[in-house]
Amino acid sequence: MADSKREVERKYEATDATRLPDLGRVAGVGSVAHEGVMELDAVYYDTEDLRLAAAKVTLRRRTGGSDAGWHLKLPVAADVRDEIRAALSETVPARLTALIRSRVLDASVVPVVRLLSARDVHVLTGTDGTPLAELSVDEVRAERLHGGDRTAAWTEIEVELADDGDPAFLDTVGRTLEEAGVRPSASHSKLARALEETAPEVARPREDEPRTAGDHVLVYVRRQAEAIVALDPAVRRGLPDSVHRMRVATRRLRSALRTYRRVLDPEATRALGAELKWLAGELGVDRDQEVLDARLRARLDELPRTLAFGPVRARLRLRSAAGRGGSRRRITAVLDSARHLGLLRALEALLADPPLLPGADAPPGDELTRAVRKDHKRLARRIARALEPQPGPDRDAALHSARKAAKRARYAAEAARPALGKPAKKAAKRLKAVQSLLGEHQDSVVARETLRALAVQAHAAGEPSFTWGLVYGREEAAAEAAERALPGVWHRAARARIRRSSGS
């Protein structure tokens, strides 16, 4: 059975001459318990080209200590990782294999490094007996198992925060250590240091600053592709907001492929764009349901109790449960599918050999401005068409189309911001306001469709439908307010349009 915990830790350099300060004098510490020395034997697994290490992901099989077994560590932030554990076995557990699938694709994982550590453990406890942190002095020996047979050895100090501890305590311990002459480690993990110190001598590629339009577009494309890959395990684990964030990354990437057609060959990326649209659609089922449920609950909360007739909340809960039943399994099935794996392969191929067109060599101030202005004009035409019909289904459909164009124009400006600077930032901000307003309108359209269905169901069950009608009227008013506000919000966005090339 696999479980997980959030690991917050700091690492420090140590030598044979390093002496720990009196840890009992650290502010907030009531006692220090010396737990003695334990012997740890860990074999780290990765692909032959070290894809996991490149993403700061570690997979190991460890014996010794109190947590022997398989450990997968996924980066969250600086000094913070999520550790997923599984019982000791000869092969990588299936759940951990699934969580690294987006990184390794079809490649096998093999043993790459073995670390033998003698860990001297000290447990720091607060004055009230609450565990604060565990400080260990680790004497490490690293053996390269793949890509050479070099070895390395070092000593380091590791301070790991106790579960639910205050991260500020690590700062307190860190100040005490540094006052004693102990310095932070240059490596973020033992594996990273082991790979670096046992690596064969090879020239490291230099990373240049983006100069051309193609450079800037590829930086943005790579960032969105990396988000899709990195969020895969988070979605599988059901972490909050992970589905939404992956969906946004797929939309941003697809939008970039369509916007920067003079930089990346649209013929070569058309199939990938279709697959990104498919993935966004699959991810959107639950997200759209979640947004709609929250909206309808909020509408009911706004009503005085005297206007809530019948079991309206119970009926809404039933509808929500029916709509979201089995959603976690369905999303996992999507991520496990051959189609999704093919999409990930296509992303890797795109970044390895991007289909650049002559526009990629142009100065970013020229080419990116051209692309952003084109999407802006496209949005202007759609908003003009949307304001022509009288309120009703035709206008609703036209406003929804304008919303999609606003999103694309906003993403185009965001992608161009590093090259075009303040004008692109201002344009993106104003376009986001347009997108949000049009999104509010579309949410009201969808909500009204659902409210009508709920009213019909309530009537058929012999329940009062008055409350559903009342909420329907409020949603109608919300849509009308959005339509009235649109000309002014759009006027401000139009004024922020990028009018000429910026930069070179």
Protein backbone atom coordinates (compact mmCIF):
# COMPACT_ATOMS: atom_id res chain seq x y z
CA MET A 1 0.00 0.00 0.00
CA ALA A 2 1.43 3.36 -1.02
CA ASP A 3 1.14 6.46 1.13
CA SER A 4 2.55 9.95 0.90
CA LYS A 5 3.90 12.79 2.97
CA ARG A 6 5.18 16.28 2.30
CA GLU A 7 8.89 16.58 2.95
CA VAL A 8 10.34 19.99 3.82
CA GLU A 9 14.08 19.94 4.39
CA ARG A 10 17.36 21.82 4.09
CA LYS A 11 20.81 20.41 3.35
CA TYR A 12 24.18 21.70 4.55
CA GLU A 13 27.81 20.93 3.74
CA ALA A 14 29.90 19.13 6.35
CA THR A 15 33.45 17.85 6.66
CA ASP A 16 35.29 15.63 9.13
CA ALA A 17 36.13 18.80 11.05
CA THR A 18 32.51 19.98 11.28
CA ARG A 19 31.08 20.02 14.78
CA LEU A 20 27.40 20.47 15.48
CA PRO A 21 26.49 23.45 17.68
CA ASP A 22 24.50 22.89 20.85
CA LEU A 23 21.10 22.16 19.28
CA GLY A 24 19.40 22.60 22.64
CA ARG A 25 20.11 26.33 22.37
CA VAL A 26 18.12 26.71 19.15
CA ALA A 27 15.17 29.01 19.83
CA GLY A 28 12.02 27.00 20.56
CA VAL A 29 13.81 23.71 21.28
CA GLY A 30 13.04 22.09 24.63
CA SER A 31 15.04 18.89 24.21
CA VAL A 32 17.24 17.02 21.76
CA ALA A 33 17.15 13.22 21.57
CA HIS A 34 20.11 11.43 20.01
CA GLU A 35 18.63 8.45 18.17
CA GLY A 36 21.98 6.89 17.23
CA VAL A 37 23.35 5.79 13.86
CA MET A 38 21.42 3.82 11.24
CA GLU A 39 22.78 2.24 8.07
CA LEU A 40 20.84 3.01 4.87
CA ASP A 41 21.26 1.35 1.48
CA ALA A 42 19.43 3.06 -1.38
CA VAL A 43 19.45 2.24 -5.09
CA TYR A 44 18.15 5.04 -7.31
CA TYR A 45 16.37 4.26 -10.58
CA ASP A 46 16.10 6.38 -13.71
CA THR A 47 16.07 6.10 -17.48
CA GLU A 48 19.42 5.70 -19.21
CA ASP A 49 19.30 9.38 -20.22
CA LEU A 50 18.34 10.45 -16.67
CA ARG A 51 14.95 11.98 -17.43
CA LEU A 52 13.78 11.81 -13.83
CA ALA A 53 16.90 13.49 -12.48
CA ALA A 54 16.54 16.27 -15.05
CA ALA A 55 13.09 16.97 -13.61
CA LYS A 56 14.35 16.72 -9.99
CA VAL A 57 12.29 13.58 -9.51
CA THR A 58 13.84 10.70 -7.56
CA LEU A 59 12.83 7.05 -7.42
CA ARG A 60 14.65 4.77 -5.01
CA ARG A 61 14.50 1.38 -3.33
CA ARG A 62 15.89 1.68 0.19
CA THR A 63 16.58 -0.77 2.98
CA GLY A 64 17.53 0.09 6.52
CA GLY A 65 15.97 2.68 8.78
CA SER A 66 12.34 2.93 9.79
CA ASP A 67 10.89 3.53 6.32
CA ALA A 68 12.39 0.80 4.15
CA GLY A 69 10.64 0.47 0.81
CA TRP A 70 10.19 2.32 -2.44
CA HIS A 71 10.17 6.13 -2.34
CA LEU A 72 9.17 8.46 -5.17
CA LYS A 73 9.88 12.15 -4.56
CA LEU A 74 8.18 14.81 -6.66
CA PRO A 75 9.26 18.46 -6.50
CA VAL A 76 6.73 20.97 -5.15
CA ALA A 77 8.83 24.08 -4.44
CA ALA A 78 12.31 24.96 -3.23
CA ASP A 79 13.16 22.63 -0.30
CA VAL A 80 9.73 20.98 -0.60
CA ARG A 81 8.91 17.59 -2.11
CA ASP A 82 6.06 15.13 -1.94
CA GLU A 83 7.27 11.65 -1.03
CA ILE A 84 5.09 8.72 -2.10
CA ARG A 85 6.00 5.45 -0.45
CA ALA A 86 5.31 1.84 -1.30
CA ALA A 87 6.20 -1.46 0.32
CA LEU A 88 9.50 -3.15 -0.38
CA SER A 89 9.44 -5.35 -3.49
CA GLU A 90 11.86 -6.51 -6.16
CA THR A 91 10.35 -4.41 -8.96
CA VAL A 92 9.00 -0.87 -9.10
CA PRO A 93 5.41 -0.87 -7.74
CA ALA A 94 2.71 -0.26 -10.35
CA ARG A 95 1.42 2.91 -8.70
CA LEU A 96 4.85 4.53 -8.75
CA THR A 97 5.34 3.43 -12.36
CA ALA A 98 2.12 5.25 -13.24
CA LEU A 99 3.29 8.42 -11.50
CA ILE A 100 6.50 8.59 -13.57
CA ARG A 101 4.89 7.55 -16.86
CA SER A 102 4.65 11.07 -18.26
CA ARG A 103 8.40 11.50 -17.70
CA VAL A 104 9.77 8.19 -18.90
CA LEU A 105 7.20 7.38 -21.63
CA ASP A 106 8.31 4.05 -23.16
CA ALA A 107 11.77 4.01 -21.61
CA SER A 108 12.68 1.49 -18.92
CA VAL A 109 14.06 2.56 -15.57
CA VAL A 110 17.33 0.99 -14.47
CA PRO A 111 19.55 1.31 -11.39
CA VAL A 112 21.79 4.34 -11.89
CA VAL A 113 23.30 5.11 -8.48
CA ARG A 114 23.68 3.35 -5.15
CA LEU A 115 24.03 5.41 -1.98
CA LEU A 116 25.29 3.89 1.26
CA SER A 117 24.71 6.24 4.19
CA ALA A 118 25.56 6.16 7.86
CA ARG A 119 22.91 8.46 9.38
CA ASP A 120 23.41 9.95 12.84
CA VAL A 121 19.98 11.20 13.90
CA HIS A 122 18.98 13.93 16.39
CA VAL A 123 15.30 14.69 17.06
CA LEU A 124 14.49 18.29 18.08
CA THR A 125 11.42 18.68 20.28
CA GLY A 126 9.62 21.83 21.44
CA THR A 127 9.17 22.88 25.05
CA ASP A 128 5.66 21.38 24.96
CA GLY A 129 6.92 18.03 23.70
CA THR A 130 5.90 18.61 20.07
CA PRO A 131 8.38 17.24 17.48
CA LEU A 132 9.91 20.12 15.55
CA ALA A 133 12.48 18.60 13.20
CA GLU A 134 14.94 15.79 12.66
CA LEU A 135 18.59 16.69 12.12
CA SER A 136 20.91 14.05 10.75
CA VAL A 137 24.58 13.94 9.91
CA ASP A 138 24.96 11.65 6.90
CA GLU A 139 28.22 10.08 5.80
CA VAL A 140 27.52 9.13 2.20
CA ARG A 141 29.28 6.90 -0.30
CA ALA A 142 27.96 6.96 -3.89
CA GLU A 143 28.56 4.27 -6.51
CA ARG A 144 27.67 4.84 -10.16
CA LEU A 145 25.76 1.83 -11.50
CA HIS A 146 25.01 3.00 -15.03
CA GLY A 147 27.06 5.25 -17.29
CA GLY A 148 30.34 4.54 -15.53
CA ASP A 149 31.75 3.07 -12.33
CA ARG A 150 33.06 6.14 -10.53
CA THR A 151 32.51 6.66 -6.82
CA ALA A 152 32.24 9.67 -4.54
CA ALA A 153 32.01 10.31 -0.81
CA TRP A 154 30.95 13.25 1.31
CA THR A 155 29.33 14.23 4.59
CA GLU A 156 26.23 16.42 4.82
CA ILE A 157 23.78 17.68 7.38
CA GLU A 158 20.08 17.33 6.67
CA VAL A 159 17.32 19.07 8.63
CA GLU A 160 13.81 17.79 7.94
CA LEU A 161 10.75 19.54 9.32
CA ALA A 162 8.35 17.45 11.40
CA ASP A 163 4.90 16.76 9.96
CA ASP A 164 2.70 19.88 10.11
CA GLY A 165 5.68 21.88 11.44
CA ASP A 166 6.26 25.58 10.88
CA PRO A 167 8.73 26.09 7.97
CA ALA A 168 10.09 29.15 9.78
CA PHE A 169 11.70 26.76 12.27
CA LEU A 170 14.07 25.60 9.53
CA ASP A 171 15.26 29.20 9.21
CA THR A 172 15.92 29.25 12.95
CA VAL A 173 17.96 26.04 12.81
CA GLY A 174 19.73 27.27 9.68
CA ARG A 175 20.89 30.47 11.41
CA THR A 176 22.32 28.45 14.30
CA LEU A 177 24.19 26.16 11.89
CA GLU A 178 25.55 29.02 9.81
CA GLU A 179 26.71 30.87 12.92
CA ALA A 180 28.73 27.73 13.67
CA GLY A 181 30.34 27.90 10.23
CA VAL A 182 28.11 25.34 8.48
CA ARG A 183 27.10 26.37 4.95
CA PRO A 184 24.09 25.38 2.82
CA SER A 185 24.67 22.63 0.29
CA ALA A 186 24.96 23.48 -3.39
CA SER A 187 23.01 20.33 -4.32
CA HIS A 188 19.26 20.01 -3.86
CA SER A 189 19.46 16.25 -3.20
CA LYS A 190 21.89 13.43 -2.53
CA LEU A 191 21.12 11.95 -5.93
CA ALA A 192 21.91 15.19 -7.72
CA ARG A 193 25.25 15.41 -5.98
CA ALA A 194 26.02 11.76 -6.64
CA LEU A 195 25.24 12.07 -10.34
CA GLU A 196 27.35 15.20 -10.64
CA GLU A 197 30.37 13.84 -8.78
CA THR A 198 30.34 10.45 -10.52
CA ALA A 199 29.49 11.72 -14.01
CA PRO A 200 31.90 11.14 -16.88
CA GLU A 201 33.74 14.24 -18.02
CA VAL A 202 31.60 15.74 -20.78
CA ALA A 203 31.11 19.26 -22.06
CA ARG A 204 27.90 20.83 -20.76
CA PRO A 205 25.72 22.63 -23.34
CA ARG A 206 25.41 26.36 -22.85
CA GLU A 207 21.95 27.86 -22.51
CA ASP A 208 21.67 31.11 -24.44
CA GLU A 209 19.15 33.87 -23.85
CA PRO A 210 16.26 33.87 -26.38
CA ARG A 211 17.02 36.23 -29.24
CA THR A 212 14.73 35.46 -32.18
CA ALA A 213 10.97 35.15 -32.40
CA GLY A 214 11.41 31.39 -32.62
CA ASP A 215 13.48 31.34 -29.43
CA HIS A 216 10.75 33.15 -27.49
CA VAL A 217 7.92 31.02 -28.86
CA LEU A 218 9.79 27.81 -28.09
CA VAL A 219 10.46 28.93 -24.51
CA TYR A 220 6.72 29.42 -24.04
CA VAL A 221 5.82 26.16 -25.79
CA ARG A 222 8.35 24.25 -23.69
CA ARG A 223 6.96 25.75 -20.48
CA GLN A 224 3.41 24.61 -21.31
CA ALA A 225 4.55 21.16 -22.41
CA GLU A 226 6.54 20.77 -19.22
CA ALA A 227 3.46 21.77 -17.19
CA ILE A 228 1.40 19.04 -18.86
CA VAL A 229 4.07 16.44 -18.09
CA ALA A 230 4.72 17.64 -14.54
CA LEU A 231 1.02 17.81 -13.63
CA ASP A 232 0.30 14.26 -14.77
CA PRO A 233 1.18 12.67 -11.39
CA ALA A 234 -0.64 15.45 -9.52
CA VAL A 235 -3.84 14.75 -11.49
CA ARG A 236 -3.47 11.02 -10.83
CA ARG A 237 -3.15 11.73 -7.11
CA GLY A 238 -6.21 13.98 -7.13
CA LEU A 239 -4.35 17.05 -5.86
CA PRO A 240 -6.41 20.27 -5.62
CA ASP A 241 -6.56 22.36 -8.80
CA SER A 242 -4.28 19.98 -10.71
CA VAL A 243 -6.89 19.10 -13.34
CA HIS A 244 -7.64 22.76 -13.97
CA ARG A 245 -3.96 23.66 -14.25
CA MET A 246 -3.28 20.86 -16.72
CA ARG A 247 -6.27 21.91 -18.78
CA VAL A 248 -5.04 25.50 -18.89
CA ALA A 249 -1.59 24.35 -20.01
CA THR A 250 -3.09 22.31 -22.86
CA ARG A 251 -5.15 25.30 -23.96
CA ARG A 252 -2.22 27.69 -23.79
CA LEU A 253 -0.05 25.35 -25.83
CA ARG A 254 -2.73 24.76 -28.45
CA SER A 255 -3.34 28.49 -28.65
CA ALA A 256 0.37 29.19 -29.16
CA LEU A 257 0.53 26.70 -32.03
CA ARG A 258 -2.39 28.48 -33.71
CA THR A 259 -1.23 32.02 -33.00
CA TYR A 260 2.41 31.69 -34.02
CA ARG A 261 1.76 30.03 -37.37
CA ARG A 262 4.56 31.96 -39.05
CA VAL A 263 7.03 30.56 -36.50
CA LEU A 264 5.91 26.92 -36.17
CA ASP A 265 4.63 25.10 -39.24
CA PRO A 266 0.84 24.68 -38.75
CA GLU A 267 0.75 21.65 -41.04
CA ALA A 268 3.30 19.87 -38.85
CA THR A 269 1.51 20.78 -35.60
CA ARG A 270 -2.11 20.29 -36.68
CA ALA A 271 -2.38 16.72 -35.38
CA LEU A 272 -0.84 17.72 -32.05
CA GLY A 273 -3.29 20.60 -31.77
CA ALA A 274 -6.19 18.19 -32.25
CA GLU A 275 -4.87 15.94 -29.50
CA LEU A 276 -4.45 18.88 -27.15
CA LYS A 277 -8.06 19.84 -27.82
CA TRP A 278 -9.09 16.26 -26.99
CA LEU A 279 -7.16 16.26 -23.71
CA ALA A 280 -8.55 19.65 -22.67
CA GLY A 281 -12.05 18.35 -23.38
CA GLU A 282 -11.53 15.24 -21.27
CA LEU A 283 -10.11 17.26 -18.39
CA GLY A 284 -12.88 19.82 -18.69
CA VAL A 285 -15.74 17.46 -17.89
CA ASP A 286 -15.05 17.52 -14.17
CA ARG A 287 -13.84 21.09 -14.04
CA ASP A 288 -16.95 22.45 -15.76
CA GLN A 289 -19.13 20.40 -13.42
CA GLU A 290 -17.23 21.70 -10.40
CA VAL A 291 -17.61 25.34 -11.51
CA LEU A 292 -21.31 24.90 -12.22
CA ASP A 293 -21.98 23.22 -8.87
CA ALA A 294 -20.19 26.00 -7.00
CA ARG A 295 -22.13 28.64 -8.90
CA LEU A 296 -25.52 27.11 -8.20
CA ARG A 297 -24.72 26.57 -4.52
CA ALA A 298 -23.69 30.22 -4.26
CA ARG A 299 -26.97 31.30 -5.88
CA LEU A 300 -28.96 29.27 -3.37
CA ASP A 301 -26.93 30.74 -0.51
CA GLU A 302 -27.89 34.23 -1.67
CA LEU A 303 -31.60 33.52 -1.21
CA PRO A 304 -33.43 34.15 2.05
CA ARG A 305 -34.58 30.89 3.61
CA THR A 306 -38.18 31.99 3.15
CA LEU A 307 -37.70 31.71 -0.64
CA ALA A 308 -36.17 28.21 -0.65
CA PHE A 309 -39.15 25.92 -1.28
CA GLY A 310 -38.71 22.17 -1.43
CA PRO A 311 -35.59 20.04 -1.12
CA VAL A 312 -33.56 22.23 -3.47
CA ARG A 313 -30.16 21.58 -1.90
CA ALA A 314 -30.72 17.83 -1.75
CA ARG A 315 -31.71 17.79 -5.42
CA LEU A 316 -28.62 19.80 -6.35
CA ARG A 317 -26.41 17.41 -4.38
CA LEU A 318 -27.95 14.42 -6.16
CA ARG A 319 -27.37 16.00 -9.53
CA SER A 320 -23.78 16.82 -8.62
CA ALA A 321 -23.06 13.29 -7.38
CA ALA A 322 -24.55 11.76 -10.52
CA GLY A 323 -22.51 14.05 -12.76
CA ARG A 324 -19.21 13.39 -11.02
CA GLY A 325 -19.52 9.71 -10.20
CA GLY A 326 -16.40 7.79 -11.19
CA SER A 327 -14.65 10.93 -12.39
CA ARG A 328 -11.30 10.06 -10.79
CA ARG A 329 -11.27 6.66 -12.45
CA ARG A 330 -12.24 8.16 -15.78
CA ILE A 331 -9.45 10.76 -15.72
CA THR A 332 -6.91 8.12 -14.69
CA ALA A 333 -8.07 5.98 -17.62
CA VAL A 334 -7.50 8.93 -19.95
CA LEU A 335 -3.95 9.42 -18.63
CA ASP A 336 -3.28 5.67 -18.91
CA SER A 337 -4.56 5.53 -22.47
CA ALA A 338 -2.39 4.91 -25.53
CA ARG A 339 -3.77 8.14 -26.96
CA HIS A 340 -2.41 10.22 -24.09
CA LEU A 341 0.94 8.48 -24.30
CA GLY A 342 1.01 9.32 -28.00
CA LEU A 343 0.32 12.97 -27.17
CA LEU A 344 3.24 13.01 -24.74
CA ARG A 345 5.49 11.47 -27.39
CA ALA A 346 4.37 14.14 -29.85
CA LEU A 347 5.26 16.88 -27.34
CA GLU A 348 8.72 15.38 -26.90
CA ALA A 349 9.20 15.19 -30.67
CA LEU A 350 8.06 18.80 -31.11
CA LEU A 351 10.60 20.10 -28.62
CA ALA A 352 13.40 17.86 -29.92
CA ASP A 353 12.95 18.96 -33.54
CA PRO A 354 10.60 21.96 -33.80
CA PRO A 355 9.17 22.58 -37.29
CA LEU A 356 10.39 26.16 -37.59
CA LEU A 357 9.41 28.44 -40.46
CA PRO A 358 11.32 31.52 -41.73
CA GLY A 359 9.37 33.71 -39.29
CA ALA A 360 11.26 32.03 -36.46
CA ASP A 361 14.42 33.88 -37.46
CA ALA A 362 12.73 37.29 -37.35
CA PRO A 363 13.31 39.78 -34.52
CA PRO A 364 10.73 39.12 -31.78
CA GLY A 365 9.60 42.75 -31.76
CA ASP A 366 8.39 42.35 -35.34
CA GLU A 367 7.05 38.80 -35.54
CA LEU A 368 5.47 38.53 -32.09
CA THR A 369 3.82 41.94 -32.40
CA ARG A 370 2.34 40.89 -35.73
CA ALA A 371 0.89 37.70 -34.23
CA VAL A 372 -0.54 39.42 -31.15
CA ARG A 373 -2.15 42.17 -33.23
CA LYS A 374 -3.69 39.61 -35.56
CA ASP A 375 -5.38 37.80 -32.66
CA HIS A 376 -6.50 41.15 -31.27
CA LYS A 377 -8.17 42.08 -34.57
CA ARG A 378 -9.83 38.67 -34.70
CA LEU A 379 -11.30 39.31 -31.25
CA ALA A 380 -12.50 42.76 -32.29
CA ARG A 381 -14.45 41.28 -35.20
CA ARG A 382 -16.08 38.66 -33.00
CA ILE A 383 -17.12 41.16 -30.36
CA ALA A 384 -18.61 43.42 -33.02
CA ARG A 385 -20.63 40.49 -34.40
CA ALA A 386 -21.69 39.43 -30.90
CA LEU A 387 -23.17 42.84 -30.12
CA GLU A 388 -25.32 42.90 -33.28
CA PRO A 389 -28.08 40.32 -32.47
CA GLN A 390 -30.82 40.95 -29.98
CA PRO A 391 -30.44 39.15 -26.62
CA GLY A 392 -31.16 35.46 -27.07
CA PRO A 393 -29.57 32.23 -28.29
CA ASP A 394 -27.83 33.83 -31.29
CA ARG A 395 -26.17 36.48 -29.16
CA ASP A 396 -25.25 33.89 -26.53
CA ALA A 397 -23.50 31.77 -29.17
CA ALA A 398 -21.70 34.80 -30.60
CA LEU A 399 -20.52 35.93 -27.17
CA HIS A 400 -19.23 32.42 -26.44
CA SER A 401 -17.26 32.56 -29.70
CA ALA A 402 -15.86 35.95 -28.68
CA ARG A 403 -14.85 34.48 -25.32
CA LYS A 404 -12.72 31.86 -27.07
CA ALA A 405 -11.07 34.58 -29.16
CA ALA A 406 -10.41 36.66 -26.04
CA LYS A 407 -8.70 33.73 -24.39
CA ARG A 408 -6.50 33.15 -27.44
CA ALA A 409 -5.59 36.84 -27.68
CA ARG A 410 -4.73 36.93 -23.99
CA TYR A 411 -2.51 33.86 -24.25
CA ALA A 412 -0.78 35.37 -27.28
CA ALA A 413 0.04 38.52 -25.30
CA GLU A 414 1.25 36.49 -22.32
CA ALA A 415 3.56 34.44 -24.54
CA ALA A 416 4.98 37.62 -26.05
CA ARG A 417 5.46 39.43 -22.74
CA PRO A 418 9.15 38.45 -22.19
CA ALA A 419 9.99 39.93 -25.60
CA LEU A 420 7.57 42.87 -25.82
CA GLY A 421 7.57 43.92 -22.18
CA LYS A 422 5.07 46.35 -20.65
CA PRO A 423 2.75 46.75 -23.68
CA ALA A 424 2.18 42.98 -23.81
CA LYS A 425 1.67 42.83 -20.04
CA LYS A 426 -0.93 45.60 -20.17
CA ALA A 427 -2.70 44.01 -23.13
CA ALA A 428 -2.83 40.61 -21.41
CA LYS A 429 -4.32 42.15 -18.27
CA ARG A 430 -7.05 43.99 -20.20
CA LEU A 431 -7.81 40.94 -22.34
CA LYS A 432 -8.14 38.81 -19.22
CA ALA A 433 -10.85 41.22 -18.03
CA VAL A 434 -12.70 40.74 -21.33
CA GLN A 435 -12.31 36.98 -21.10
CA SER A 436 -13.56 36.92 -17.51
CA LEU A 437 -16.63 38.99 -18.34
CA LEU A 438 -17.49 36.80 -21.32
CA GLY A 439 -16.85 33.76 -19.13
CA GLU A 440 -19.33 35.07 -16.58
CA HIS A 441 -21.88 35.39 -19.37
CA GLN A 442 -21.28 31.88 -20.65
CA ASP A 443 -21.44 30.43 -17.13
CA SER A 444 -24.85 32.05 -16.79
CA VAL A 445 -26.00 30.49 -20.07
CA VAL A 446 -24.95 27.02 -18.90
CA ALA A 447 -26.42 27.58 -15.44
CA ARG A 448 -29.79 28.53 -16.90
CA GLU A 449 -29.89 25.35 -18.97
CA THR A 450 -29.24 23.31 -15.84
CA LEU A 451 -31.75 25.27 -13.77
CA ARG A 452 -34.47 24.63 -16.34
CA ALA A 453 -33.70 20.89 -16.19
CA LEU A 454 -33.79 20.96 -12.37
CA ALA A 455 -37.13 22.75 -12.41
CA VAL A 456 -38.59 20.15 -14.79
CA GLN A 457 -37.30 17.31 -12.56
CA ALA A 458 -38.69 18.97 -9.44
CA HIS A 459 -42.10 19.48 -11.05
CA ALA A 460 -42.23 15.86 -12.20
CA ALA A 461 -41.42 14.73 -8.63
CA GLY A 462 -44.21 16.83 -7.19
CA GLU A 463 -41.80 19.38 -5.67
CA PRO A 464 -42.15 23.17 -5.88
CA SER A 465 -40.19 24.62 -8.80
CA PHE A 466 -40.50 28.23 -7.63
CA THR A 467 -36.96 28.46 -6.23
CA TRP A 468 -35.38 27.18 -9.43
CA GLY A 469 -37.31 29.77 -11.40
CA LEU A 470 -36.20 32.48 -9.01
CA VAL A 471 -32.54 31.51 -9.41
CA TYR A 472 -33.04 31.33 -13.18
CA GLY A 473 -34.19 34.95 -13.11
CA ARG A 474 -31.08 35.98 -11.19
CA GLU A 475 -28.90 34.25 -13.74
CA GLU A 476 -30.73 36.10 -16.51
CA ALA A 477 -29.97 39.37 -14.73
CA ALA A 478 -26.29 38.41 -14.38
CA ALA A 479 -26.06 37.74 -18.13
CA GLU A 480 -27.71 41.07 -18.93
CA ALA A 481 -25.28 42.88 -16.63
CA ALA A 482 -22.32 41.26 -18.39
CA GLU A 483 -23.69 42.29 -21.78
CA ARG A 484 -24.12 45.88 -20.63
CA ALA A 485 -20.56 45.99 -19.22
CA LEU A 486 -18.92 44.46 -22.29
CA PRO A 487 -18.58 47.59 -24.48
CA GLY A 488 -16.74 49.50 -21.76
CA VAL A 489 -14.44 46.61 -20.81
CA TRP A 490 -13.68 45.95 -24.47
CA HIS A 491 -12.95 49.65 -25.10
CA ARG A 492 -10.27 49.59 -22.40
CA ALA A 493 -8.77 46.43 -23.88
CA ALA A 494 -8.77 47.92 -27.36
CA ARG A 495 -6.83 50.94 -26.08
CA ALA A 496 -4.16 48.59 -24.68
CA ARG A 497 -3.58 47.05 -28.09
CA ILE A 498 0.07 46.68 -29.08
CA ARG A 499 0.31 49.19 -31.91
CA ARG A 500 3.88 48.77 -33.07
CA SER A 501 6.78 46.42 -32.62
CA SER A 502 8.66 46.56 -29.34
CA GLY A 503 12.24 45.40 -28.87
CA SER A 504 14.31 43.61 -31.47
